[in-house]
Each structure stands twice: as C-alpha cells, then as structure tokens.
Amino acid sequence: MNYSIIRYIIGWVLVLEAIFMLLPCLVSLIYQEKSGVAFIVTAVICAVIGILMTAKKPQNKNYYAREGFVIVALSWIVMSLFGALPFVISGEIPSYVDALFEIVSGFTTTGASILSDVEALSHACLFWRSFSHWIGGMGVFVFLLIVLPLTGGSNMHLMRAESPGPSVGKLVPKVRETAKILYMIYIAMTLIEMVILVLGGMSIFEAVTLSFGTAGTGGFGVKNTSIADYSVFCQAVITIFMILFGVNFNFYYYLLGKNKKNAFKIDEVKWYFIIILASIVLITFNIRGFYDSIWAAFHHAAFQVGSVITTTGYATADFNLWPQMSKTILVLIMFVGACAGSTGGGIKVSRILIMFKTIGQEIKILVHPRSVHTMKMDDKVVDKNVVRGVGAFLMTYFVIYCVSLLVVTLDGKDLVTNFTAIAATLNNIGPGLAEVGPTGNFSGFSVLSKCVFIFDMLAGRLELYPVLLLMTPSVWRKN
C-alpha cells in the first residue's frame, strides 16, 4: 500500500473543497447573510490541512487498483466530514450527525433530507446543498484529474473506483483528456438548463440551484414543496434534463463526434428509454382519475418516472397518494436506476440487461447443452469477468440491503417506510414512501439508523466495493 500517495491526493481533495466553499461565501455576500462566515472558517480549515498534507510530495507516485479504491472511498468520507461543518458552525443544522447526513446526501446525489423546513436555511447553505450535488454528480476525481496531473496510466484506477457502472473505459487514449470531455459535456448541459429555466421565469438563484440538482441527479430543492410550485414549463424542462443526465455520457461523446453511428449501438440507452416510456404510459393510465385531464396525468407521471429512474428525487406531486400499481412501478425503477456512465444511481440498466441476458443464456444451455453461446451488448461480446462482476455486485447489494433493513427496523417504524428508506438511500434516490415520501423526511430516525443511511448513500454512490474495502484488513498491508 502506497500510503504517501493516499495522503497526498486526499490533501488535494481538501484544497479543492476549500476552493469550492468560496462560492457559497460569494452567495452570502450577495444576499448579505452571516452564514458566509461558517464557510470561510471551514474553507480555511480545509486549506490548511490540505496544504500540510500536500507539502511533501510522495517519492513513489505510482498507485494501483487497491490504492485507487482506498483513495476514492477515504476522500469522499473526508470531504463529507468537512463539508458538514458549515451547517453546524452556522447553527442552521446544530446536530453534527444530521449535518453529516445532509451533506453526504448532497455529495452522493441522494437528495434525502432531515430538514422539515428547507426554506428556513440561508441562501449560502441552500447553495452549498445543491452545489454538492453538482460536485458529486460527475465525481470529484474526474475534476481532479483535469487540474492535477498525476502518474499516467494509474489515473484510470481513480475513475474506475468513482464512476458508476459495471465497467469504465477511456473515450480517448489519455485519461486526462477523457475527464476533460466528460466535464465539458456536463458543464454545457448544466448551463443550457440554467438559461432555459431563467427564460421560463425562474429566478437566477433557483435556476442555478435546481440545475445543479438536476445535473447531479440529486434532488435538493430550495422550496418545501420541491418542484410543485413552479410552472408547467419549468417542470417539463427539468423532466427532460433529468432524463438526459441519466443517459450514459458515452452516448453524447459519440453523438458529438465523428462516430455518430456508435451512439445508437448502445443497448443500455435504448432500454433505458424503453423502460421510461413503458413506465410513463402505465402510470399515466393508472392515475388519470387523480387529475383533470390525461395530459396532466401524463405530465406528473413523466416527471416522477424521470425523477425516480434517474435517482434525482424531485417531486411535483405526492406520489405516496397514488394507486398501488403506480407506487409499485416507481419502487421497481428505483432499483433499476439510470445508465452506467451517467450521474444517476441505482443498480444501473446495463447490469439489469446483463442479468436478463444471463438468464436467457442459461435457458438456452439447458435446452441445447452442447451448443456454444456468447453474450453480446453493443454488438460486442461481453467478457465473462464482467458477467461474474455483475453477479457479485448484485449479491453484495442484496446483503447490504438486508443488513441495513434489519438494523433500521430497531426504530419500530412500518415496513414500507423502512424498505423504501433503504431503497432511497442505497440507490441514491432521496424520497421513498410512507414517512419518507415526497412530503416527509428522515428526521424521525435514530442516530444509529442515520449512520446506516450515511453508509448506504456512500456505498451506493461508490458502487459498494470502495467503501467495503476500507473494512478489509488485508487492503492496508504494505505489500
């Protein structure tokens, strides 16, 4: 284990977080709020510790998969521990556990909250919550790889540890160039949404914060009613962009490049849109009696399906009151999630596809034992290691889910609340059903349960293994 490179990179993460905190400081100056002091104090703490950690450059700058996973997991934990401080120092979220829950929910783009009155927060804290979605959406290391040149090929280990999905590849030969391309697409789409929302009558502050939440598929709003009070036009814009940010970013790279045909060969993207369309149609007809017209039902169904499958978590309606069929569909697509290589959470459409293809292949083998079968996605043969990895991921996911559910039941809440609370945090969605529905929050849970949710949010965002590796003694050996 190369401890010096771990210390060095985590130090740079803290320096980067200190720089990020200057933005809410600026917001507090614009709105003349005292909460900006809390961000200045935290930024200074992060900067001092970060500079001390990076003062001595490591002699050995090489790092491999083991270090990559540890660096990513520890950095997200450290970033969250310090990111919670402004809420506590400002007094706006006095409990450190609650503040940690809130910022972990932000960085992991979950959108679950312990706040019952969001509008009571200062503009600076509201901005920091939403901005944390944007930071965590694409990933802090994707950004760090752009601004901090590290040892060549080793950079891929950081991207693999942080990026969602069963496999991560380079779009171009150099990892740093890949990171630049991803962030250019990410920034461009975010800015386009901001402009459209402002043109639709939204204030600049609301357009910026809600675009951050949409881009990161996070879901923190600046109003207690989430998105319900905005115009139908603004809701429609957010619906479209939530779905777009749930698409594999390779699709946009191919679409904007010379190999446009490759964009339409991505099976995951096709099935992502098929699942969305089928869910919207079924829910629209199921809830048509709840609204004045079929178009109103379609509008709310489209928004909630887009919000849930991309694990954004915004809401225009209390879907907790919808019929059982609609709620069941929403719970099912909570687990499906968005595409690999997007900002969304969940199991990912690609893993679901591989799982079904594996089942189909096993049936064919039973019927024709001597025949040879190959599994394909995107017109390419799927490596057996990828299939094995998907199986291992789903089993690990199931174990974490069950253990988390058992611990949370100690609070004595109903099964629907507990089941969907774990689904909402492990899949980085935000709202669940019953007490944690769109109009509820997570404040009623015990400290132990909140710690379980914090673990689940981090594990879900980092694809389980980086967080689990921290608890594996053999990982920390020097050799």
Protein backbone atom coordinates (compact mmCIF):
# COMPACT_ATOMS: atom_id res chain seq x y z
CA MET A 1 0.00 0.00 0.00
CA ASN A 2 1.41 3.37 -1.03
CA TYR A 3 0.35 5.50 1.96
CA SER A 4 2.18 8.62 0.80
CA ILE A 5 0.17 8.92 -2.43
CA ILE A 6 -3.07 8.38 -0.46
CA ARG A 7 -2.14 11.22 1.90
CA TYR A 8 -1.07 13.46 -0.99
CA ILE A 9 -4.24 13.05 -3.08
CA ILE A 10 -6.60 13.39 -0.10
CA GLY A 11 -4.78 16.63 0.70
CA TRP A 12 -5.54 17.92 -2.79
CA VAL A 13 -9.18 16.94 -2.34
CA LEU A 14 -9.34 19.12 0.79
CA VAL A 15 -7.70 22.03 -1.05
CA LEU A 16 -10.25 21.61 -3.83
CA GLU A 17 -13.10 21.55 -1.30
CA ALA A 18 -11.76 24.78 0.26
CA ILE A 19 -11.89 26.41 -3.20
CA PHE A 20 -15.44 25.12 -3.76
CA MET A 21 -16.55 26.72 -0.49
CA LEU A 22 -15.67 30.17 -1.81
CA LEU A 23 -18.81 30.04 -3.97
CA PRO A 24 -21.30 29.88 -1.05
CA CYS A 25 -19.20 32.64 0.57
CA LEU A 26 -19.90 34.76 -2.52
CA VAL A 27 -23.60 33.90 -2.31
CA SER A 28 -23.69 35.04 1.32
CA LEU A 29 -22.12 38.37 0.30
CA ILE A 30 -24.72 38.87 -2.44
CA TYR A 31 -27.60 38.21 -0.02
CA GLN A 32 -25.79 39.85 2.93
CA GLU A 33 -26.02 36.79 5.19
CA LYS A 34 -23.87 35.95 8.21
CA SER A 35 -23.70 32.25 7.31
CA GLY A 36 -20.83 33.05 4.94
CA VAL A 37 -18.51 33.21 7.97
CA ALA A 38 -19.09 29.48 8.58
CA PHE A 39 -17.94 28.70 5.04
CA ILE A 40 -14.86 30.94 5.36
CA VAL A 41 -13.86 29.22 8.62
CA THR A 42 -14.36 25.75 7.08
CA ALA A 43 -12.53 26.73 3.89
CA VAL A 44 -9.52 27.90 5.96
CA ILE A 45 -9.52 24.64 7.95
CA CYS A 46 -9.68 22.56 4.75
CA ALA A 47 -6.99 24.65 3.06
CA VAL A 48 -4.55 24.49 5.99
CA ILE A 49 -4.91 20.73 6.46
CA GLY A 50 -4.81 20.16 2.70
CA ILE A 51 -1.66 22.24 2.23
CA LEU A 52 0.08 20.44 5.11
CA MET A 53 -0.82 17.07 3.55
CA THR A 54 0.46 18.07 0.10
CA ALA A 55 3.58 19.93 1.28
CA LYS A 56 5.71 16.82 0.95
CA LYS A 57 5.37 15.15 -2.45
CA PRO A 58 5.47 11.36 -2.39
CA GLN A 59 8.65 9.79 -3.74
CA ASN A 60 6.65 6.96 -5.29
CA LYS A 61 3.74 8.41 -7.29
CA ASN A 62 2.56 5.08 -8.65
CA TYR A 63 -0.73 3.68 -7.39
CA TYR A 64 -2.83 0.76 -8.49
CA ALA A 65 -6.35 -0.60 -8.10
CA ARG A 66 -6.07 -1.12 -4.33
CA GLU A 67 -4.84 2.42 -3.68
CA GLY A 68 -7.38 3.79 -6.17
CA PHE A 69 -10.34 2.32 -4.30
CA VAL A 70 -8.98 3.40 -0.91
CA ILE A 71 -8.21 6.94 -2.11
CA VAL A 72 -11.69 7.39 -3.56
CA ALA A 73 -13.54 5.99 -0.52
CA LEU A 74 -11.46 7.92 2.03
CA SER A 75 -11.66 11.14 0.02
CA TRP A 76 -15.46 11.02 -0.16
CA ILE A 77 -15.63 10.38 3.59
CA VAL A 78 -13.17 13.17 4.42
CA MET A 79 -14.90 15.54 2.01
CA SER A 80 -18.22 14.82 3.73
CA LEU A 81 -16.83 15.17 7.27
CA PHE A 82 -15.56 18.67 6.48
CA GLY A 83 -18.44 19.56 4.18
CA ALA A 84 -20.87 19.20 7.08
CA LEU A 85 -19.07 21.81 9.22
CA PRO A 86 -20.66 24.97 7.72
CA PHE A 87 -24.15 23.72 8.69
CA VAL A 88 -23.03 23.15 12.29
CA ILE A 89 -20.91 26.31 12.64
CA SER A 90 -23.70 28.49 11.25
CA GLY A 91 -26.18 26.85 13.61
CA GLU A 92 -28.60 26.06 10.80
CA ILE A 93 -28.25 22.29 11.43
CA PRO A 94 -26.96 22.10 15.04
CA SER A 95 -26.59 18.29 15.18
CA TYR A 96 -23.37 17.12 13.51
CA VAL A 97 -24.90 13.72 12.61
CA ASP A 98 -27.82 15.48 10.91
CA ALA A 99 -25.43 17.85 9.13
CA LEU A 100 -23.31 14.90 8.00
CA PHE A 101 -26.41 13.09 6.77
CA GLU A 102 -27.42 16.18 4.78
CA ILE A 103 -24.05 16.74 3.10
CA VAL A 104 -23.46 13.03 2.38
CA SER A 105 -26.90 13.06 0.79
CA GLY A 106 -25.69 16.04 -1.23
CA PHE A 107 -22.32 14.71 -2.39
CA THR A 108 -23.75 11.26 -3.19
CA THR A 109 -26.58 12.96 -5.15
CA THR A 110 -29.18 11.21 -3.00
CA GLY A 111 -31.36 14.17 -2.04
CA ALA A 112 -32.71 12.60 1.18
CA SER A 113 -33.07 15.21 3.91
CA ILE A 114 -33.56 15.54 7.65
CA LEU A 115 -34.97 19.07 7.20
CA SER A 116 -38.68 19.75 7.63
CA ASP A 117 -38.36 23.41 6.62
CA VAL A 118 -35.86 23.83 3.79
CA GLU A 119 -36.81 27.47 3.25
CA ALA A 120 -35.51 28.35 6.74
CA LEU A 121 -31.93 27.85 5.52
CA SER A 122 -29.83 30.77 4.31
CA HIS A 123 -29.13 31.19 0.60
CA ALA A 124 -25.50 30.18 1.18
CA CYS A 125 -26.46 26.87 2.81
CA LEU A 126 -29.11 26.20 0.18
CA PHE A 127 -26.49 26.83 -2.49
CA TRP A 128 -23.95 24.54 -0.79
CA ARG A 129 -26.51 21.71 -0.57
CA SER A 130 -27.31 21.96 -4.28
CA PHE A 131 -23.72 22.59 -5.36
CA SER A 132 -22.67 19.43 -3.51
CA HIS A 133 -24.95 17.53 -5.94
CA TRP A 134 -23.12 19.03 -8.90
CA ILE A 135 -19.70 18.21 -7.40
CA GLY A 136 -20.69 14.62 -6.64
CA GLY A 137 -22.62 14.07 -9.87
CA MET A 138 -19.69 13.72 -12.23
CA GLY A 139 -17.29 12.93 -9.41
CA VAL A 140 -14.62 14.93 -7.66
CA PHE A 141 -11.82 12.80 -9.11
CA VAL A 142 -12.92 13.34 -12.68
CA PHE A 143 -12.44 17.05 -11.96
CA LEU A 144 -9.22 16.47 -10.03
CA LEU A 145 -7.71 14.56 -12.95
CA ILE A 146 -8.17 17.67 -15.10
CA VAL A 147 -6.45 20.13 -12.75
CA LEU A 148 -3.88 17.80 -11.12
CA PRO A 149 -1.58 15.85 -13.45
CA LEU A 150 -0.82 12.52 -11.77
CA THR A 151 1.11 9.45 -12.84
CA GLY A 152 -0.10 8.40 -16.33
CA GLY A 153 -1.95 5.11 -16.57
CA SER A 154 -2.68 4.92 -12.84
CA ASN A 155 -5.37 7.59 -13.19
CA MET A 156 -7.76 5.02 -14.61
CA HIS A 157 -7.93 3.34 -11.20
CA LEU A 158 -9.46 6.51 -9.74
CA MET A 159 -12.06 6.76 -12.50
CA ARG A 160 -12.96 3.08 -12.17
CA ALA A 161 -13.40 3.41 -8.41
CA GLU A 162 -15.59 6.51 -8.66
CA SER A 163 -17.57 6.04 -11.89
CA PRO A 164 -20.93 4.22 -11.81
CA GLY A 165 -21.49 1.05 -13.82
CA PRO A 166 -20.04 -2.42 -14.39
CA SER A 167 -17.05 -1.20 -16.44
CA VAL A 168 -15.29 2.05 -17.25
CA GLY A 169 -13.28 2.70 -20.39
CA LYS A 170 -11.41 5.55 -21.98
CA LEU A 171 -13.14 7.66 -24.63
CA VAL A 172 -9.72 8.79 -25.85
CA PRO A 173 -6.23 7.33 -25.24
CA LYS A 174 -5.38 9.72 -22.37
CA VAL A 175 -7.43 9.55 -19.15
CA ARG A 176 -6.99 13.29 -18.54
CA GLU A 177 -8.49 14.07 -21.95
CA THR A 178 -11.39 11.72 -21.19
CA ALA A 179 -12.03 13.62 -17.94
CA LYS A 180 -12.00 16.93 -19.83
CA ILE A 181 -14.51 15.67 -22.39
CA LEU A 182 -16.86 14.39 -19.69
CA TYR A 183 -16.76 17.67 -17.78
CA MET A 184 -17.20 19.78 -20.90
CA ILE A 185 -20.40 17.87 -21.72
CA TYR A 186 -21.50 18.09 -18.07
CA ILE A 187 -20.91 21.85 -17.80
CA ALA A 188 -22.51 22.60 -21.18
CA MET A 189 -25.70 20.69 -20.35
CA THR A 190 -25.91 22.34 -16.92
CA LEU A 191 -25.55 25.84 -18.40
CA ILE A 192 -28.15 25.15 -21.10
CA GLU A 193 -30.68 24.08 -18.45
CA MET A 194 -29.95 27.16 -16.34
CA VAL A 195 -30.57 29.51 -19.28
CA ILE A 196 -33.82 27.78 -20.28
CA LEU A 197 -35.15 27.89 -16.70
CA VAL A 198 -34.34 31.60 -16.38
CA LEU A 199 -36.10 32.23 -19.71
CA GLY A 200 -39.04 30.27 -18.29
CA GLY A 201 -39.46 32.79 -15.47
CA MET A 202 -37.38 31.23 -12.72
CA SER A 203 -35.07 33.41 -10.61
CA ILE A 204 -31.33 33.08 -11.27
CA PHE A 205 -30.70 31.59 -7.81
CA GLU A 206 -33.41 28.97 -8.22
CA ALA A 207 -32.35 28.18 -11.81
CA VAL A 208 -28.74 27.64 -10.70
CA THR A 209 -29.52 25.50 -7.64
CA LEU A 210 -32.16 23.37 -9.37
CA SER A 211 -29.90 22.88 -12.39
CA PHE A 212 -27.16 21.67 -10.04
CA GLY A 213 -29.66 19.21 -8.56
CA THR A 214 -30.81 18.06 -11.98
CA ALA A 215 -27.31 17.71 -13.44
CA GLY A 216 -26.09 15.68 -10.49
CA THR A 217 -29.45 13.85 -10.38
CA GLY A 218 -29.54 14.85 -6.72
CA GLY A 219 -32.89 16.41 -5.93
CA PHE A 220 -32.32 19.02 -3.21
CA GLY A 221 -34.85 21.79 -3.76
CA VAL A 222 -34.96 25.31 -2.34
CA LYS A 223 -38.67 25.15 -1.50
CA ASN A 224 -40.55 22.90 0.90
CA THR A 225 -42.80 21.80 -1.98
CA SER A 226 -39.82 20.68 -4.11
CA ILE A 227 -40.76 21.49 -7.74
CA ALA A 228 -44.57 21.58 -7.30
CA ASP A 229 -44.85 25.41 -7.14
CA TYR A 230 -43.05 26.07 -10.42
CA SER A 231 -44.69 26.49 -13.81
CA VAL A 232 -45.57 23.51 -16.02
CA PHE A 233 -42.94 24.73 -18.49
CA CYS A 234 -40.15 24.69 -15.87
CA GLN A 235 -41.29 21.28 -14.63
CA ALA A 236 -41.21 19.95 -18.21
CA VAL A 237 -37.69 21.34 -18.73
CA ILE A 238 -36.48 19.67 -15.53
CA THR A 239 -38.14 16.40 -16.61
CA ILE A 240 -36.28 16.41 -19.91
CA PHE A 241 -32.91 17.26 -18.36
CA MET A 242 -33.27 14.69 -15.56
CA ILE A 243 -33.73 12.01 -18.20
CA LEU A 244 -30.86 13.38 -20.32
CA PHE A 245 -28.45 13.37 -17.36
CA GLY A 246 -29.40 9.73 -16.72
CA VAL A 247 -28.02 8.73 -20.14
CA ASN A 248 -24.58 7.16 -20.49
CA PHE A 249 -22.24 10.08 -21.32
CA ASN A 250 -20.51 7.95 -23.94
CA PHE A 251 -23.70 8.42 -25.97
CA TYR A 252 -23.15 12.20 -26.09
CA TYR A 253 -19.48 11.79 -26.90
CA TYR A 254 -20.27 9.60 -29.90
CA LEU A 255 -23.17 11.82 -30.93
CA LEU A 256 -20.97 14.93 -30.98
CA GLY A 257 -18.01 13.18 -32.63
CA LYS A 258 -17.30 11.53 -35.92
CA ASN A 259 -18.66 8.11 -34.93
CA LYS A 260 -22.33 9.09 -34.58
CA LYS A 261 -23.49 5.57 -35.51
CA ASN A 262 -21.82 4.18 -32.36
CA ALA A 263 -24.15 6.27 -30.22
CA PHE A 264 -27.18 4.31 -31.41
CA LYS A 265 -25.47 0.96 -30.87
CA ILE A 266 -25.50 1.36 -27.08
CA ASP A 267 -28.12 -1.19 -25.94
CA GLU A 268 -28.31 0.27 -22.45
CA VAL A 269 -29.52 3.65 -23.73
CA LYS A 270 -32.21 2.02 -25.88
CA TRP A 271 -33.59 0.01 -22.96
CA TYR A 272 -33.30 3.00 -20.63
CA PHE A 273 -35.74 4.93 -22.82
CA ILE A 274 -37.98 1.86 -23.32
CA ILE A 275 -38.29 1.42 -19.54
CA ILE A 276 -39.05 5.12 -19.10
CA LEU A 277 -41.69 5.17 -21.84
CA ALA A 278 -43.41 1.99 -20.62
CA SER A 279 -43.46 3.26 -17.02
CA ILE A 280 -44.90 6.65 -18.03
CA VAL A 281 -47.68 5.06 -20.12
CA LEU A 282 -48.70 2.60 -17.38
CA ILE A 283 -48.66 5.22 -14.60
CA THR A 284 -50.49 7.81 -16.73
CA PHE A 285 -53.46 5.48 -17.26
CA ASN A 286 -53.35 4.36 -13.63
CA ILE A 287 -53.52 7.90 -12.19
CA ARG A 288 -55.74 9.54 -14.83
CA GLY A 289 -58.61 9.78 -12.32
CA PHE A 290 -56.46 11.86 -9.95
CA TYR A 291 -56.15 14.77 -12.39
CA ASP A 292 -58.39 16.98 -14.55
CA SER A 293 -57.03 15.70 -17.86
CA ILE A 294 -54.98 12.87 -19.32
CA TRP A 295 -52.29 15.42 -20.18
CA ALA A 296 -51.95 16.49 -16.55
CA ALA A 297 -51.65 12.84 -15.55
CA PHE A 298 -49.03 12.31 -18.28
CA HIS A 299 -47.10 15.39 -17.12
CA HIS A 300 -46.86 14.24 -13.49
CA ALA A 301 -46.21 10.61 -14.47
CA ALA A 302 -43.37 11.67 -16.79
CA PHE A 303 -41.83 13.89 -14.12
CA GLN A 304 -41.92 11.27 -11.37
CA VAL A 305 -40.69 8.45 -13.61
CA GLY A 306 -37.84 10.66 -14.81
CA SER A 307 -37.07 11.71 -11.25
CA VAL A 308 -37.11 8.20 -9.79
CA ILE A 309 -35.32 6.20 -12.51
CA THR A 310 -32.53 8.79 -12.70
CA THR A 311 -32.50 8.79 -8.86
CA THR A 312 -32.92 12.59 -8.81
CA GLY A 313 -35.72 12.73 -6.26
CA TYR A 314 -37.54 15.93 -7.22
CA ALA A 315 -41.34 15.83 -6.94
CA THR A 316 -44.29 17.69 -8.46
CA ALA A 317 -46.88 15.58 -6.66
CA ASP A 318 -47.20 13.40 -3.56
CA PHE A 319 -46.94 10.03 -5.32
CA ASN A 320 -47.41 8.45 -1.89
CA LEU A 321 -51.15 9.01 -2.55
CA TRP A 322 -51.15 7.35 -5.98
CA PRO A 323 -52.64 3.86 -6.59
CA GLN A 324 -50.65 0.78 -5.57
CA MET A 325 -49.74 -0.09 -9.16
CA SER A 326 -48.11 3.31 -9.76
CA LYS A 327 -46.21 3.18 -6.48
CA THR A 328 -45.04 -0.36 -7.24
CA ILE A 329 -43.71 0.70 -10.66
CA LEU A 330 -41.85 3.62 -9.04
CA VAL A 331 -40.31 1.33 -6.41
CA LEU A 332 -39.19 -1.14 -9.12
CA ILE A 333 -37.49 1.54 -11.22
CA MET A 334 -35.85 2.85 -8.03
CA PHE A 335 -33.78 -0.33 -8.11
CA VAL A 336 -33.18 -0.22 -11.88
CA GLY A 337 -31.67 3.28 -11.80
CA ALA A 338 -30.10 5.16 -14.69
CA CYS A 339 -27.38 4.21 -17.19
CA ALA A 340 -23.80 3.34 -16.31
CA GLY A 341 -21.52 6.29 -17.03
CA SER A 342 -24.24 8.81 -16.11
CA THR A 343 -24.74 10.89 -12.97
CA GLY A 344 -27.61 8.63 -11.83
CA GLY A 345 -27.61 5.94 -9.15
CA GLY A 346 -29.34 2.58 -8.73
CA ILE A 347 -28.22 -0.85 -9.91
CA LYS A 348 -27.92 0.54 -13.48
CA VAL A 349 -29.73 -0.52 -16.65
CA SER A 350 -26.61 -2.24 -18.02
CA ARG A 351 -26.45 -4.62 -15.04
CA ILE A 352 -30.16 -5.40 -15.35
CA LEU A 353 -29.62 -6.16 -19.06
CA ILE A 354 -26.67 -8.44 -18.35
CA MET A 355 -28.68 -10.21 -15.66
CA PHE A 356 -31.58 -10.93 -18.06
CA LYS A 357 -29.19 -11.95 -20.84
CA THR A 358 -27.52 -14.36 -18.39
CA ILE A 359 -30.89 -15.90 -17.53
CA GLY A 360 -31.67 -16.25 -21.26
CA GLN A 361 -28.28 -17.84 -21.89
CA GLU A 362 -28.78 -20.36 -19.07
CA ILE A 363 -32.16 -21.37 -20.51
CA LYS A 364 -30.58 -21.89 -23.96
CA ILE A 365 -27.83 -24.05 -22.42
CA LEU A 366 -30.45 -26.20 -20.65
CA VAL A 367 -32.28 -26.72 -23.95
CA HIS A 368 -29.10 -27.22 -26.04
CA PRO A 369 -26.32 -28.31 -23.63
CA ARG A 370 -23.70 -28.88 -26.33
CA SER A 371 -24.20 -25.60 -28.18
CA VAL A 372 -21.87 -22.63 -27.70
CA HIS A 373 -23.45 -19.33 -26.72
CA THR A 374 -21.93 -15.86 -26.43
CA MET A 375 -23.49 -12.87 -24.73
CA LYS A 376 -23.39 -9.57 -26.62
CA MET A 377 -24.03 -5.94 -25.76
CA ASP A 378 -23.48 -3.04 -28.14
CA ASP A 379 -22.52 -5.61 -30.82
CA LYS A 380 -19.58 -6.73 -28.65
CA VAL A 381 -19.07 -9.97 -26.75
CA VAL A 382 -19.48 -9.46 -23.00
CA ASP A 383 -16.41 -10.69 -21.12
CA LYS A 384 -17.06 -13.45 -18.58
CA ASN A 385 -15.37 -11.34 -15.91
CA VAL A 386 -17.99 -8.61 -16.43
CA VAL A 387 -20.79 -11.17 -16.02
CA ARG A 388 -19.12 -12.52 -12.88
CA GLY A 389 -18.70 -8.98 -11.58
CA VAL A 390 -22.38 -8.20 -12.11
CA GLY A 391 -23.39 -11.34 -10.22
CA ALA A 392 -21.05 -10.48 -7.34
CA PHE A 393 -22.29 -6.88 -7.28
CA LEU A 394 -25.96 -7.95 -7.08
CA MET A 395 -25.21 -10.41 -4.28
CA THR A 396 -23.23 -7.80 -2.33
CA TYR A 397 -26.01 -5.27 -2.93
CA PHE A 398 -28.60 -7.75 -1.58
CA VAL A 399 -26.56 -8.47 1.57
CA ILE A 400 -26.02 -4.76 2.36
CA TYR A 401 -29.71 -4.09 1.75
CA CYS A 402 -30.85 -6.87 4.10
CA VAL A 403 -28.41 -6.00 6.89
CA SER A 404 -29.31 -2.29 6.65
CA LEU A 405 -33.01 -3.12 6.73
CA LEU A 406 -32.60 -5.27 9.85
CA VAL A 407 -30.75 -2.51 11.73
CA VAL A 408 -33.25 0.19 10.75
CA THR A 409 -36.19 -1.92 11.96
CA LEU A 410 -34.94 -1.31 15.53
CA ASP A 411 -36.60 2.11 15.29
CA GLY A 412 -40.00 0.40 15.17
CA LYS A 413 -41.28 2.06 12.01
CA ASP A 414 -43.53 0.33 9.47
CA LEU A 415 -42.16 -1.99 6.77
CA VAL A 416 -42.96 0.32 3.83
CA THR A 417 -41.08 3.21 5.47
CA ASN A 418 -38.06 1.07 6.32
CA PHE A 419 -37.96 -0.81 3.00
CA THR A 420 -38.19 2.30 0.83
CA ALA A 421 -35.86 4.31 3.12
CA ILE A 422 -33.08 1.81 2.43
CA ALA A 423 -34.01 1.73 -1.27
CA ALA A 424 -33.94 5.54 -1.38
CA THR A 425 -30.50 5.83 0.25
CA LEU A 426 -28.69 2.80 -1.20
CA ASN A 427 -29.91 3.73 -4.69
CA ASN A 428 -29.22 7.46 -4.10
CA ILE A 429 -32.81 8.49 -4.85
CA GLY A 430 -33.99 10.62 -1.92
CA PRO A 431 -37.69 10.15 -1.23
CA GLY A 432 -39.31 6.80 -0.57
CA LEU A 433 -42.85 6.02 0.56
CA ALA A 434 -44.88 6.45 3.78
CA GLU A 435 -42.91 8.53 6.35
CA VAL A 436 -40.05 9.15 3.91
CA GLY A 437 -42.33 10.05 0.98
CA PRO A 438 -42.11 13.29 -1.04
CA THR A 439 -43.71 15.30 1.78
CA GLY A 440 -41.76 13.56 4.57
CA ASN A 441 -38.11 13.38 5.63
CA PHE A 442 -35.59 11.26 7.55
CA SER A 443 -35.52 13.32 10.77
CA GLY A 444 -37.61 10.79 12.72
CA PHE A 445 -34.97 8.07 12.59
CA SER A 446 -32.46 7.37 15.38
CA VAL A 447 -28.77 8.30 15.21
CA LEU A 448 -27.92 4.64 14.53
CA SER A 449 -30.33 4.48 11.57
CA LYS A 450 -29.00 7.76 10.18
CA CYS A 451 -25.47 6.32 10.34
CA VAL A 452 -26.70 3.27 8.42
CA PHE A 453 -28.24 5.59 5.80
CA ILE A 454 -24.98 7.55 5.56
CA PHE A 455 -23.08 4.31 4.93
CA ASP A 456 -25.66 3.20 2.35
CA MET A 457 -25.53 6.52 0.50
CA LEU A 458 -21.74 6.39 0.24
CA ALA A 459 -21.75 2.69 -0.69
CA GLY A 460 -24.44 3.24 -3.32
CA ARG A 461 -22.64 6.19 -4.94
CA LEU A 462 -19.25 4.45 -4.98
CA GLU A 463 -20.61 1.13 -6.28
CA LEU A 464 -20.26 -0.70 -2.93
CA TYR A 465 -16.70 -2.05 -3.12
CA PRO A 466 -14.55 1.02 -2.35
CA VAL A 467 -16.36 1.51 0.98
CA LEU A 468 -16.28 -2.20 1.82
CA LEU A 469 -12.55 -2.40 1.06
CA LEU A 470 -11.85 0.09 3.85
CA MET A 471 -13.06 -2.56 6.31
CA THR A 472 -10.83 -5.28 4.83
CA PRO A 473 -7.58 -5.66 6.89
CA SER A 474 -5.56 -7.17 4.02
CA VAL A 475 -6.03 -3.99 1.97
CA TRP A 476 -3.96 -1.97 4.44
CA ARG A 477 -0.86 -4.17 4.30
CA LYS A 478 2.18 -2.53 2.78
CA ASN A 479 2.87 -5.41 0.41
